[in-house]
Amino acid sequence: MTEEFYRWLLQLIREDRLVKFYQSPKWRRLREKAMKRDHYECQHCRRQGKYHKVENVHHIKEVKDRPDLALDIDNLICLCIECHNKVHGRYTSAADKQEKKVDSFANFDATERW
């Protein structure tokens, strides 16, 4: 990541405009690379022996907390919408609220991939 890009990203964080980062060509290329690496498959579902098509590429260490890792592919994991919502503690139904927020990365090994 160039110094200029890093400064731009910090400014976006300060201004609460990270959507601009997620629209950037650098992010879009890296996102596609992560999905290809993970065979377009949700990694949480895969660990449970299930299959679900990837819909989100998630930063393991959040961009706001670790902007230096925003473009580090080893800080990314591919998730389906349901798993991504659980990781962030978002619930779509009353039954989901009964479930604890997923501590998705407690035992995550970035080298344990295909």
PDB file of N, CA and C in Angstrom:
ATOM      1  N   MET A   1       0.852  -1.170   0.000  1.00  0.00           N
ATOM      2  CA  MET A   1       0.000   0.000   0.000  1.00  0.00           C
ATOM      3  C   MET A   1       0.900   1.236   0.000  1.00  0.00           C
ATOM      4  N   THR A   2       0.632   2.131  -0.908  1.00  0.00           N
ATOM      5  CA  THR A   2       1.450   3.342  -0.994  1.00  0.00           C
ATOM      6  C   THR A   2       1.095   4.289   0.153  1.00  0.00           C
ATOM      7  N   GLU A   3       2.027   5.151   0.456  1.00  0.00           N
ATOM      8  CA  GLU A   3       1.818   6.150   1.513  1.00  0.00           C
ATOM      9  C   GLU A   3       0.613   7.038   1.184  1.00  0.00           C
ATOM     10  N   GLU A   4       0.489   7.408  -0.076  1.00  0.00           N
ATOM     11  CA  GLU A   4      -0.625   8.266  -0.499  1.00  0.00           C
ATOM     12  C   GLU A   4      -1.969   7.560  -0.284  1.00  0.00           C
ATOM     13  N   PHE A   5      -2.040   6.284  -0.666  1.00  0.00           N
ATOM     14  CA  PHE A   5      -3.273   5.521  -0.491  1.00  0.00           C
ATOM     15  C   PHE A   5      -3.597   5.385   0.996  1.00  0.00           C
ATOM     16  N   TYR A   6      -2.581   5.138   1.806  1.00  0.00           N
ATOM     17  CA  TYR A   6      -2.766   4.986   3.249  1.00  0.00           C
ATOM     18  C   TYR A   6      -3.309   6.279   3.864  1.00  0.00           C
ATOM     19  N   ARG A   7      -2.757   7.411   3.472  1.00  0.00           N
ATOM     20  CA  ARG A   7      -3.253   8.701   3.978  1.00  0.00           C
ATOM     21  C   ARG A   7      -4.705   8.920   3.550  1.00  0.00           C
ATOM     22  N   TRP A   8      -5.025   8.573   2.312  1.00  0.00           N
ATOM     23  CA  TRP A   8      -6.388   8.691   1.805  1.00  0.00           C
ATOM     24  C   TRP A   8      -7.334   7.822   2.634  1.00  0.00           C
ATOM     25  N   LEU A   9      -6.922   6.606   2.921  1.00  0.00           N
ATOM     26  CA  LEU A   9      -7.736   5.689   3.710  1.00  0.00           C
ATOM     27  C   LEU A   9      -7.954   6.227   5.126  1.00  0.00           C
ATOM     28  N   LEU A  10      -6.919   6.747   5.746  1.00  0.00           N
ATOM     29  CA  LEU A  10      -7.064   7.335   7.087  1.00  0.00           C
ATOM     30  C   LEU A  10      -8.057   8.490   7.071  1.00  0.00           C
ATOM     31  N   GLN A  11      -8.010   9.301   6.038  1.00  0.00           N
ATOM     32  CA  GLN A  11      -8.948  10.415   5.904  1.00  0.00           C
ATOM     33  C   GLN A  11     -10.383   9.900   5.779  1.00  0.00           C
ATOM     34  N   LEU A  12     -10.570   8.853   4.997  1.00  0.00           N
ATOM     35  CA  LEU A  12     -11.903   8.259   4.857  1.00  0.00           C
ATOM     36  C   LEU A  12     -12.411   7.740   6.197  1.00  0.00           C
ATOM     37  N   ILE A  13     -11.543   7.132   6.971  1.00  0.00           N
ATOM     38  CA  ILE A  13     -11.923   6.618   8.288  1.00  0.00           C
ATOM     39  C   ILE A  13     -12.347   7.778   9.183  1.00  0.00           C
ATOM     40  N   ARG A  14     -11.549   8.839   9.217  1.00  0.00           N
ATOM     41  CA  ARG A  14     -11.876  10.010  10.045  1.00  0.00           C
ATOM     42  C   ARG A  14     -13.217  10.626   9.649  1.00  0.00           C
ATOM     43  N   GLU A  15     -13.503  10.620   8.355  1.00  0.00           N
ATOM     44  CA  GLU A  15     -14.731  11.234   7.843  1.00  0.00           C
ATOM     45  C   GLU A  15     -15.905  10.251   7.790  1.00  0.00           C
ATOM     46  N   ASP A  16     -15.694   9.031   8.245  1.00  0.00           N
ATOM     47  CA  ASP A  16     -16.704   7.978   8.215  1.00  0.00           C
ATOM     48  C   ASP A  16     -17.264   7.793   6.797  1.00  0.00           C
ATOM     49  N   ARG A  17     -16.337   7.682   5.844  1.00  0.00           N
ATOM     50  CA  ARG A  17     -16.710   7.511   4.432  1.00  0.00           C
ATOM     51  C   ARG A  17     -16.003   6.304   3.824  1.00  0.00           C
ATOM     52  N   LEU A  18     -15.933   5.216   4.555  1.00  0.00           N
ATOM     53  CA  LEU A  18     -15.224   4.030   4.067  1.00  0.00           C
ATOM     54  C   LEU A  18     -15.841   3.427   2.811  1.00  0.00           C
ATOM     55  N   VAL A  19     -17.067   3.783   2.516  1.00  0.00           N
ATOM     56  CA  VAL A  19     -17.696   3.275   1.295  1.00  0.00           C
ATOM     57  C   VAL A  19     -16.832   3.608   0.074  1.00  0.00           C
ATOM     58  N   LYS A  20     -16.134   4.727   0.108  1.00  0.00           N
ATOM     59  CA  LYS A  20     -15.249   5.114  -1.005  1.00  0.00           C
ATOM     60  C   LYS A  20     -14.120   4.092  -1.162  1.00  0.00           C
ATOM     61  N   PHE A  21     -13.606   3.586  -0.051  1.00  0.00           N
ATOM     62  CA  PHE A  21     -12.570   2.554  -0.107  1.00  0.00           C
ATOM     63  C   PHE A  21     -13.124   1.306  -0.788  1.00  0.00           C
ATOM     64  N   TYR A  22     -14.329   0.900  -0.387  1.00  0.00           N
ATOM     65  CA  TYR A  22     -14.928  -0.318  -0.930  1.00  0.00           C
ATOM     66  C   TYR A  22     -15.341  -0.177  -2.393  1.00  0.00           C
ATOM     67  N   GLN A  23     -15.349   1.034  -2.893  1.00  0.00           N
ATOM     68  CA  GLN A  23     -15.619   1.274  -4.315  1.00  0.00           C
ATOM     69  C   GLN A  23     -14.338   1.421  -5.124  1.00  0.00           C
ATOM     70  N   SER A  24     -13.194   1.431  -4.457  1.00  0.00           N
ATOM     71  CA  SER A  24     -11.926   1.675  -5.147  1.00  0.00           C
ATOM     72  C   SER A  24     -11.499   0.468  -5.985  1.00  0.00           C
ATOM     73  N   PRO A  25     -10.818   0.724  -7.097  1.00  0.00           N
ATOM     74  CA  PRO A  25     -10.317  -0.373  -7.932  1.00  0.00           C
ATOM     75  C   PRO A  25      -9.359  -1.304  -7.179  1.00  0.00           C
ATOM     76  N   LYS A  26      -8.547  -0.764  -6.288  1.00  0.00           N
ATOM     77  CA  LYS A  26      -7.614  -1.618  -5.532  1.00  0.00           C
ATOM     78  C   LYS A  26      -8.379  -2.631  -4.692  1.00  0.00           C
ATOM     79  N   TRP A  27      -9.432  -2.165  -3.992  1.00  0.00           N
ATOM     80  CA  TRP A  27     -10.225  -3.079  -3.181  1.00  0.00           C
ATOM     81  C   TRP A  27     -10.947  -4.091  -4.064  1.00  0.00           C
ATOM     82  N   ARG A  28     -11.540  -3.639  -5.143  1.00  0.00           N
ATOM     83  CA  ARG A  28     -12.303  -4.541  -6.022  1.00  0.00           C
ATOM     84  C   ARG A  28     -11.414  -5.656  -6.578  1.00  0.00           C
ATOM     85  N   ARG A  29     -10.188  -5.324  -6.960  1.00  0.00           N
ATOM     86  CA  ARG A  29      -9.256  -6.353  -7.473  1.00  0.00           C
ATOM     87  C   ARG A  29      -8.870  -7.337  -6.372  1.00  0.00           C
ATOM     88  N   LEU A  30      -8.585  -6.814  -5.177  1.00  0.00           N
ATOM     89  CA  LEU A  30      -8.191  -7.690  -4.078  1.00  0.00           C
ATOM     90  C   LEU A  30      -9.356  -8.573  -3.635  1.00  0.00           C
ATOM     91  N   ARG A  31     -10.543  -8.023  -3.633  1.00  0.00           N
ATOM     92  CA  ARG A  31     -11.745  -8.774  -3.275  1.00  0.00           C
ATOM     93  C   ARG A  31     -11.917  -9.964  -4.229  1.00  0.00           C
ATOM     94  N   GLU A  32     -11.775  -9.720  -5.509  1.00  0.00           N
ATOM     95  CA  GLU A  32     -11.894 -10.798  -6.495  1.00  0.00           C
ATOM     96  C   GLU A  32     -10.802 -11.854  -6.283  1.00  0.00           C
ATOM     97  N   LYS A  33      -9.601 -11.402  -5.984  1.00  0.00           N
ATOM     98  CA  LYS A  33      -8.491 -12.326  -5.742  1.00  0.00           C
ATOM     99  C   LYS A  33      -8.781 -13.218  -4.526  1.00  0.00           C
ATOM    100  N   ALA A  34      -9.340 -12.629  -3.464  1.00  0.00           N
ATOM    101  CA  ALA A  34      -9.683 -13.403  -2.259  1.00  0.00           C
ATOM    102  C   ALA A  34     -10.783 -14.416  -2.556  1.00  0.00           C
ATOM    103  N   MET A  35     -11.777 -14.003  -3.334  1.00  0.00           N
ATOM    104  CA  MET A  35     -12.859 -14.933  -3.676  1.00  0.00           C
ATOM    105  C   MET A  35     -12.329 -16.098  -4.513  1.00  0.00           C
ATOM    106  N   LYS A  36     -11.462 -15.797  -5.440  1.00  0.00           N
ATOM    107  CA  LYS A  36     -10.870 -16.857  -6.263  1.00  0.00           C
ATOM    108  C   LYS A  36     -10.046 -17.799  -5.388  1.00  0.00           C
ATOM    109  N   ARG A  37      -9.247 -17.227  -4.473  1.00  0.00           N
ATOM    110  CA  ARG A  37      -8.431 -18.042  -3.559  1.00  0.00           C
ATOM    111  C   ARG A  37      -9.291 -19.005  -2.754  1.00  0.00           C
ATOM    112  N   ASP A  38     -10.466 -18.530  -2.317  1.00  0.00           N
ATOM    113  CA  ASP A  38     -11.356 -19.341  -1.479  1.00  0.00           C
ATOM    114  C   ASP A  38     -12.409 -20.093  -2.291  1.00  0.00           C
ATOM    115  N   HIS A  39     -12.176 -20.191  -3.604  1.00  0.00           N
ATOM    116  CA  HIS A  39     -13.055 -20.950  -4.492  1.00  0.00           C
ATOM    117  C   HIS A  39     -14.506 -20.470  -4.435  1.00  0.00           C
ATOM    118  N   TYR A  40     -14.693 -19.160  -4.216  1.00  0.00           N
ATOM    119  CA  TYR A  40     -16.025 -18.539  -4.209  1.00  0.00           C
ATOM    120  C   TYR A  40     -16.955 -19.227  -3.208  1.00  0.00           C
ATOM    121  N   GLU A  41     -16.371 -19.657  -2.084  1.00  0.00           N
ATOM    122  CA  GLU A  41     -17.109 -20.426  -1.083  1.00  0.00           C
ATOM    123  C   GLU A  41     -16.971 -19.780   0.290  1.00  0.00           C
ATOM    124  N   CYS A  42     -18.085 -19.710   1.032  1.00  0.00           N
ATOM    125  CA  CYS A  42     -18.062 -19.197   2.405  1.00  0.00           C
ATOM    126  C   CYS A  42     -17.172 -20.110   3.250  1.00  0.00           C
ATOM    127  N   GLN A  43     -16.189 -19.516   3.895  1.00  0.00           N
ATOM    128  CA  GLN A  43     -15.231 -20.301   4.663  1.00  0.00           C
ATOM    129  C   GLN A  43     -15.792 -20.789   5.994  1.00  0.00           C
ATOM    130  N   HIS A  44     -16.749 -20.051   6.587  1.00  0.00           N
ATOM    131  CA  HIS A  44     -17.387 -20.535   7.820  1.00  0.00           C
ATOM    132  C   HIS A  44     -18.246 -21.753   7.527  1.00  0.00           C
ATOM    133  N   CYS A  45     -19.045 -21.667   6.474  1.00  0.00           N
ATOM    134  CA  CYS A  45     -19.884 -22.815   6.103  1.00  0.00           C
ATOM    135  C   CYS A  45     -19.003 -24.018   5.768  1.00  0.00           C
ATOM    136  N   ARG A  46     -17.931 -23.772   5.054  1.00  0.00           N
ATOM    137  CA  ARG A  46     -17.012 -24.853   4.660  1.00  0.00           C
ATOM    138  C   ARG A  46     -16.453 -25.574   5.888  1.00  0.00           C
ATOM    139  N   ARG A  47     -16.089 -24.811   6.924  1.00  0.00           N
ATOM    140  CA  ARG A  47     -15.550 -25.420   8.146  1.00  0.00           C
ATOM    141  C   ARG A  47     -16.584 -26.288   8.840  1.00  0.00           C
ATOM    142  N   GLN A  48     -17.864 -26.044   8.566  1.00  0.00           N
ATOM    143  CA  GLN A  48     -18.948 -26.836   9.163  1.00  0.00           C
ATOM    144  C   GLN A  48     -19.404 -27.949   8.226  1.00  0.00           C
ATOM    145  N   GLY A  49     -18.688 -28.140   7.121  1.00  0.00           N
ATOM    146  CA  GLY A  49     -19.036 -29.191   6.180  1.00  0.00           C
ATOM    147  C   GLY A  49     -20.188 -28.832   5.259  1.00  0.00           C
ATOM    148  N   LYS A  50     -20.509 -27.539   5.180  1.00  0.00           N
ATOM    149  CA  LYS A  50     -21.607 -27.077   4.323  1.00  0.00           C
ATOM    150  C   LYS A  50     -21.019 -26.301   3.153  1.00  0.00           C
ATOM    151  N   TYR A  51     -21.870 -26.025   2.184  1.00  0.00           N
ATOM    152  CA  TYR A  51     -21.450 -25.192   1.066  1.00  0.00           C
ATOM    153  C   TYR A  51     -22.394 -24.011   0.939  1.00  0.00           C
ATOM    154  N   HIS A  52     -21.822 -22.834   0.771  1.00  0.00           N
ATOM    155  CA  HIS A  52     -22.604 -21.645   0.447  1.00  0.00           C
ATOM    156  C   HIS A  52     -21.719 -20.722  -0.364  1.00  0.00           C
ATOM    157  N   LYS A  53     -22.292 -20.196  -1.418  1.00  0.00           N
ATOM    158  CA  LYS A  53     -21.563 -19.283  -2.293  1.00  0.00           C
ATOM    159  C   LYS A  53     -21.141 -18.028  -1.520  1.00  0.00           C
ATOM    160  N   VAL A  54     -19.928 -17.565  -1.789  1.00  0.00           N
ATOM    161  CA  VAL A  54     -19.432 -16.351  -1.137  1.00  0.00           C
ATOM    162  C   VAL A  54     -20.212 -15.138  -1.635  1.00  0.00           C
ATOM    163  N   GLU A  55     -20.522 -14.243  -0.705  1.00  0.00           N
ATOM    164  CA  GLU A  55     -21.218 -13.005  -1.051  1.00  0.00           C
ATOM    165  C   GLU A  55     -20.507 -11.784  -0.476  1.00  0.00           C
ATOM    166  N   ASN A  56     -19.661 -11.999   0.520  1.00  0.00           N
ATOM    167  CA  ASN A  56     -18.933 -10.909   1.151  1.00  0.00           C
ATOM    168  C   ASN A  56     -17.479 -11.308   1.354  1.00  0.00           C
ATOM    169  N   VAL A  57     -16.608 -10.324   1.261  1.00  0.00           N
ATOM    170  CA  VAL A  57     -15.211 -10.526   1.640  1.00  0.00           C
ATOM    171  C   VAL A  57     -15.000  -9.662   2.879  1.00  0.00           C
ATOM    172  N   HIS A  58     -14.699 -10.313   3.972  1.00  0.00           N
ATOM    173  CA  HIS A  58     -14.659  -9.691   5.294  1.00  0.00           C
ATOM    174  C   HIS A  58     -13.221  -9.461   5.755  1.00  0.00           C
ATOM    175  N   HIS A  59     -12.984  -8.291   6.334  1.00  0.00           N
ATOM    176  CA  HIS A  59     -11.692  -8.012   6.968  1.00  0.00           C
ATOM    177  C   HIS A  59     -11.689  -8.643   8.354  1.00  0.00           C
ATOM    178  N   ILE A  60     -10.782  -9.544   8.612  1.00  0.00           N
ATOM    179  CA  ILE A  60     -10.679 -10.195   9.907  1.00  0.00           C
ATOM    180  C   ILE A  60     -10.380  -9.151  10.979  1.00  0.00           C
ATOM    181  N   LYS A  61      -9.388  -8.338  10.721  1.00  0.00           N
ATOM    182  CA  LYS A  61      -9.113  -7.181  11.583  1.00  0.00           C
ATOM    183  C   LYS A  61      -9.684  -5.980  10.843  1.00  0.00           C
ATOM    184  N   GLU A  62     -10.661  -5.337  11.451  1.00  0.00           N
ATOM    185  CA  GLU A  62     -11.430  -4.278  10.793  1.00  0.00           C
ATOM    186  C   GLU A  62     -10.554  -3.149  10.267  1.00  0.00           C
ATOM    187  N   VAL A  63     -10.964  -2.585   9.152  1.00  0.00           N
ATOM    188  CA  VAL A  63     -10.229  -1.494   8.504  1.00  0.00           C
ATOM    189  C   VAL A  63     -10.075  -0.309   9.453  1.00  0.00           C
ATOM    190  N   LYS A  64     -11.111   0.004  10.201  1.00  0.00           N
ATOM    191  CA  LYS A  64     -11.046   1.144  11.130  1.00  0.00           C
ATOM    192  C   LYS A  64      -9.993   0.932  12.217  1.00  0.00           C
ATOM    193  N   ASP A  65      -9.796  -0.316  12.612  1.00  0.00           N
ATOM    194  CA  ASP A  65      -8.815  -0.630  13.654  1.00  0.00           C
ATOM    195  C   ASP A  65      -7.414  -0.844  13.098  1.00  0.00           C
ATOM    196  N   ARG A  66      -7.324  -1.422  11.914  1.00  0.00           N
ATOM    197  CA  ARG A  66      -6.032  -1.745  11.316  1.00  0.00           C
ATOM    198  C   ARG A  66      -6.012  -1.354   9.843  1.00  0.00           C
ATOM    199  N   PRO A  67      -5.989  -0.058   9.545  1.00  0.00           N
ATOM    200  CA  PRO A  67      -5.980   0.370   8.147  1.00  0.00           C
ATOM    201  C   PRO A  67      -4.774  -0.144   7.373  1.00  0.00           C
ATOM    202  N   ASP A  68      -3.696  -0.455   8.089  1.00  0.00           N
ATOM    203  CA  ASP A  68      -2.503  -0.987   7.430  1.00  0.00           C
ATOM    204  C   ASP A  68      -2.748  -2.378   6.837  1.00  0.00           C
ATOM    205  N   LEU A  69      -3.787  -3.058   7.285  1.00  0.00           N
ATOM    206  CA  LEU A  69      -4.111  -4.399   6.784  1.00  0.00           C
ATOM    207  C   LEU A  69      -5.274  -4.399   5.795  1.00  0.00           C
ATOM    208  N   ALA A  70      -5.746  -3.216   5.416  1.00  0.00           N
ATOM    209  CA  ALA A  70      -6.917  -3.101   4.535  1.00  0.00           C
ATOM    210  C   ALA A  70      -6.719  -3.815   3.206  1.00  0.00           C
ATOM    211  N   LEU A  71      -5.490  -3.837   2.701  1.00  0.00           N
ATOM    212  CA  LEU A  71      -5.214  -4.478   1.415  1.00  0.00           C
ATOM    213  C   LEU A  71      -4.316  -5.707   1.566  1.00  0.00           C
ATOM    214  N   ASP A  72      -4.356  -6.321   2.742  1.00  0.00           N
ATOM    215  CA  ASP A  72      -3.585  -7.538   3.004  1.00  0.00           C
ATOM    216  C   ASP A  72      -4.513  -8.744   2.814  1.00  0.00           C
ATOM    217  N   ILE A  73      -4.261  -9.523   1.800  1.00  0.00           N
ATOM    218  CA  ILE A  73      -5.151 -10.652   1.489  1.00  0.00           C
ATOM    219  C   ILE A  73      -5.221 -11.671   2.628  1.00  0.00           C
ATOM    220  N   ASP A  74      -4.195 -11.748   3.450  1.00  0.00           N
ATOM    221  CA  ASP A  74      -4.224 -12.675   4.584  1.00  0.00           C
ATOM    222  C   ASP A  74      -5.137 -12.181   5.699  1.00  0.00           C
ATOM    223  N   ASN A  75      -5.628 -10.952   5.584  1.00  0.00           N
ATOM    224  CA  ASN A  75      -6.571 -10.399   6.550  1.00  0.00           C
ATOM    225  C   ASN A  75      -8.004 -10.492   6.030  1.00  0.00           C
ATOM    226  N   LEU A  76      -8.225 -11.255   4.988  1.00  0.00           N
ATOM    227  CA  LEU A  76      -9.548 -11.366   4.386  1.00  0.00           C
ATOM    228  C   LEU A  76     -10.062 -12.792   4.462  1.00  0.00           C
ATOM    229  N   ILE A  77     -11.364 -12.906   4.632  1.00  0.00           N
ATOM    230  CA  ILE A  77     -12.028 -14.202   4.618  1.00  0.00           C
ATOM    231  C   ILE A  77     -13.339 -14.038   3.856  1.00  0.00           C
ATOM    232  N   CYS A  78     -13.662 -15.026   3.049  1.00  0.00           N
ATOM    233  CA  CYS A  78     -14.887 -14.995   2.251  1.00  0.00           C
ATOM    234  C   CYS A  78     -16.030 -15.611   3.044  1.00  0.00           C
ATOM    235  N   LEU A  79     -17.152 -14.880   3.073  1.00  0.00           N
ATOM    236  CA  LEU A  79     -18.316 -15.306   3.851  1.00  0.00           C
ATOM    237  C   LEU A  79     -19.601 -15.131   3.062  1.00  0.00           C
ATOM    238  N   CYS A  80     -20.601 -15.939   3.399  1.00  0.00           N
ATOM    239  CA  CYS A  80     -21.940 -15.712   2.868  1.00  0.00           C
ATOM    240  C   CYS A  80     -22.574 -14.586   3.698  1.00  0.00           C
ATOM    241  N   ILE A  81     -23.692 -14.090   3.257  1.00  0.00           N
ATOM    242  CA  ILE A  81     -24.334 -12.976   3.967  1.00  0.00           C
ATOM    243  C   ILE A  81     -24.704 -13.375   5.395  1.00  0.00           C
ATOM    244  N   GLU A  82     -25.242 -14.569   5.563  1.00  0.00           N
ATOM    245  CA  GLU A  82     -25.655 -15.020   6.899  1.00  0.00           C
ATOM    246  C   GLU A  82     -24.477 -15.052   7.867  1.00  0.00           C
ATOM    247  N   CYS A  83     -23.368 -15.633   7.442  1.00  0.00           N
ATOM    248  CA  CYS A  83     -22.186 -15.700   8.313  1.00  0.00           C
ATOM    249  C   CYS A  83     -21.600 -14.312   8.556  1.00  0.00           C
ATOM    250  N   HIS A  84     -21.597 -13.473   7.540  1.00  0.00           N
ATOM    251  CA  HIS A  84     -21.082 -12.113   7.696  1.00  0.00           C
ATOM    252  C   HIS A  84     -21.923 -11.345   8.717  1.00  0.00           C
ATOM    253  N   ASN A  85     -23.237 -11.497   8.647  1.00  0.00           N
ATOM    254  CA  ASN A  85     -24.103 -10.842   9.628  1.00  0.00           C
ATOM    255  C   ASN A  85     -23.844 -11.351  11.037  1.00  0.00           C
ATOM    256  N   LYS A  86     -23.632 -12.649  11.173  1.00  0.00           N
ATOM    257  CA  LYS A  86     -23.348 -13.215  12.500  1.00  0.00           C
ATOM    258  C   LYS A  86     -22.037 -12.679  13.057  1.00  0.00           C
ATOM    259  N   VAL A  87     -21.029 -12.574  12.212  1.00  0.00           N
ATOM    260  CA  VAL A  87     -19.727 -12.058  12.650  1.00  0.00           C
ATOM    261  C   VAL A  87     -19.878 -10.638  13.199  1.00  0.00           C
ATOM    262  N   HIS A  88     -20.749  -9.853  12.557  1.00  0.00           N
ATOM    263  CA  HIS A  88     -20.945  -8.466  12.969  1.00  0.00           C
ATOM    264  C   HIS A  88     -22.056  -8.305  14.015  1.00  0.00           C
ATOM    265  N   GLY A  89     -22.651  -9.407  14.446  1.00  0.00           N
ATOM    266  CA  GLY A  89     -23.699  -9.332  15.455  1.00  0.00           C
ATOM    267  C   GLY A  89     -25.002  -8.761  14.929  1.00  0.00           C
ATOM    268  N   ARG A  90     -25.222  -8.871  13.622  1.00  0.00           N
ATOM    269  CA  ARG A  90     -26.475  -8.416  13.007  1.00  0.00           C
ATOM    270  C   ARG A  90     -27.413  -9.610  12.924  1.00  0.00           C
ATOM    271  N   TYR A  91     -28.652  -9.375  13.224  1.00  0.00           N
ATOM    272  CA  TYR A  91     -29.610 -10.470  13.233  1.00  0.00           C
ATOM    273  C   TYR A  91     -30.730 -10.196  12.257  1.00  0.00           C
ATOM    274  N   THR A  92     -31.185 -11.236  11.587  1.00  0.00           N
ATOM    275  CA  THR A  92     -32.255 -11.088  10.607  1.00  0.00           C
ATOM    276  C   THR A  92     -33.572 -11.675  11.105  1.00  0.00           C
ATOM    277  N   SER A  93     -33.529 -12.414  12.213  1.00  0.00           N
ATOM    278  CA  SER A  93     -34.764 -12.995  12.749  1.00  0.00           C
ATOM    279  C   SER A  93     -34.649 -13.116  14.261  1.00  0.00           C
ATOM    280  N   ALA A  94     -35.775 -13.378  14.897  1.00  0.00           N
ATOM    281  CA  ALA A  94     -35.789 -13.549  16.348  1.00  0.00           C
ATOM    282  C   ALA A  94     -34.940 -14.757  16.751  1.00  0.00           C
ATOM    283  N   ALA A  95     -34.955 -15.811  15.924  1.00  0.00           N
ATOM    284  CA  ALA A  95     -34.164 -17.010  16.230  1.00  0.00           C
ATOM    285  C   ALA A  95     -32.670 -16.689  16.220  1.00  0.00           C
ATOM    286  N   ASP A  96     -32.260 -15.825  15.297  1.00  0.00           N
ATOM    287  CA  ASP A  96     -30.857 -15.438  15.231  1.00  0.00           C
ATOM    288  C   ASP A  96     -30.412 -14.725  16.501  1.00  0.00           C
ATOM    289  N   LYS A  97     -31.326 -13.976  17.125  1.00  0.00           N
ATOM    290  CA  LYS A  97     -30.980 -13.231  18.332  1.00  0.00           C
ATOM    291  C   LYS A  97     -30.637 -14.167  19.481  1.00  0.00           C
ATOM    292  N   GLN A  98     -31.168 -15.385  19.438  1.00  0.00           N
ATOM    293  CA  GLN A  98     -30.873 -16.372  20.471  1.00  0.00           C
ATOM    294  C   GLN A  98     -29.430 -16.857  20.373  1.00  0.00           C
ATOM    295  N   GLU A  99     -28.882 -16.801  19.143  1.00  0.00           N
ATOM    296  CA  GLU A  99     -27.508 -17.234  18.910  1.00  0.00           C
ATOM    297  C   GLU A  99     -26.541 -16.172  19.366  1.00  0.00           C
ATOM    298  N   LYS A 100     -25.440 -16.589  19.941  1.00  0.00           N
ATOM    299  CA  LYS A 100     -24.393 -15.656  20.307  1.00  0.00           C
ATOM    300  C   LYS A 100     -23.714 -15.124  19.056  1.00  0.00           C
ATOM    301  N   LYS A 101     -23.167 -13.947  19.167  1.00  0.00           N
ATOM    302  CA  LYS A 101     -22.366 -13.404  18.071  1.00  0.00           C
ATOM    303  C   LYS A 101     -21.227 -14.385  17.804  1.00  0.00           C
ATOM    304  N   VAL A 102     -20.998 -14.687  16.559  1.00  0.00           N
ATOM    305  CA  VAL A 102     -19.975 -15.648  16.179  1.00  0.00           C
ATOM    306  C   VAL A 102     -18.593 -15.067  16.437  1.00  0.00           C
ATOM    307  N   ASP A 103     -17.790 -15.792  17.195  1.00  0.00           N
ATOM    308  CA  ASP A 103     -16.389 -15.409  17.368  1.00  0.00           C
ATOM    309  C   ASP A 103     -15.635 -16.164  16.286  1.00  0.00           C
ATOM    310  N   SER A 104     -15.749 -15.638  15.088  1.00  0.00           N
ATOM    311  CA  SER A 104     -15.349 -16.366  13.900  1.00  0.00           C
ATOM    312  C   SER A 104     -13.865 -16.617  13.772  1.00  0.00           C
ATOM    313  N   PHE A 105     -13.056 -15.873  14.456  1.00  0.00           N
ATOM    314  CA  PHE A 105     -11.635 -15.957  14.197  1.00  0.00           C
ATOM    315  C   PHE A 105     -10.836 -16.430  15.406  1.00  0.00           C
ATOM    316  N   ALA A 106     -11.534 -16.945  16.414  1.00  0.00           N
ATOM    317  CA  ALA A 106     -10.847 -17.425  17.599  1.00  0.00           C
ATOM    318  C   ALA A 106      -9.842 -18.524  17.237  1.00  0.00           C
ATOM    319  N   ASN A 107     -10.242 -19.414  16.347  1.00  0.00           N
ATOM    320  CA  ASN A 107      -9.368 -20.521  15.952  1.00  0.00           C
ATOM    321  C   ASN A 107      -9.050 -20.478  14.473  1.00  0.00           C
ATOM    322  N   PHE A 108      -9.110 -19.308  13.896  1.00  0.00           N
ATOM    323  CA  PHE A 108      -8.903 -19.174  12.457  1.00  0.00           C
ATOM    324  C   PHE A 108      -7.424 -19.268  12.114  1.00  0.00           C
ATOM    325  N   ASP A 109      -7.122 -20.100  11.164  1.00  0.00           N
ATOM    326  CA  ASP A 109      -5.759 -20.253  10.670  1.00  0.00           C
ATOM    327  C   ASP A 109      -5.760 -19.856   9.199  1.00  0.00           C
ATOM    328  N   ALA A 110      -5.154 -18.728   8.910  1.00  0.00           N
ATOM    329  CA  ALA A 110      -5.161 -18.197   7.535  1.00  0.00           C
ATOM    330  C   ALA A 110      -4.473 -19.136   6.555  1.00  0.00           C
ATOM    331  N   THR A 111      -3.632 -20.019   7.036  1.00  0.00           N
ATOM    332  CA  THR A 111      -2.934 -20.941   6.133  1.00  0.00           C
ATOM    333  C   THR A 111      -3.784 -22.174   5.838  1.00  0.00           C
ATOM    334  N   GLU A 112      -4.860 -22.371   6.593  1.00  0.00           N
ATOM    335  CA  GLU A 112      -5.718 -23.552   6.421  1.00  0.00           C
ATOM    336  C   GLU A 112      -6.754 -23.261   5.351  1.00  0.00           C
ATOM    337  N   ARG A 113      -6.325 -23.360   4.122  1.00  0.00           N
ATOM    338  CA  ARG A 113      -7.203 -23.120   2.994  1.00  0.00           C
ATOM    339  C   ARG A 113      -7.039 -24.271   2.026  1.00  0.00           C
ATOM    340  N   TRP A 114      -7.675 -24.172   0.905  1.00  0.00           N
ATOM    341  CA  TRP A 114      -7.619 -25.200  -0.121  1.00  0.00           C
ATOM    342  C   TRP A 114      -6.255 -25.664  -0.326  1.00  0.00           C
TER     343      TRP A 114
END
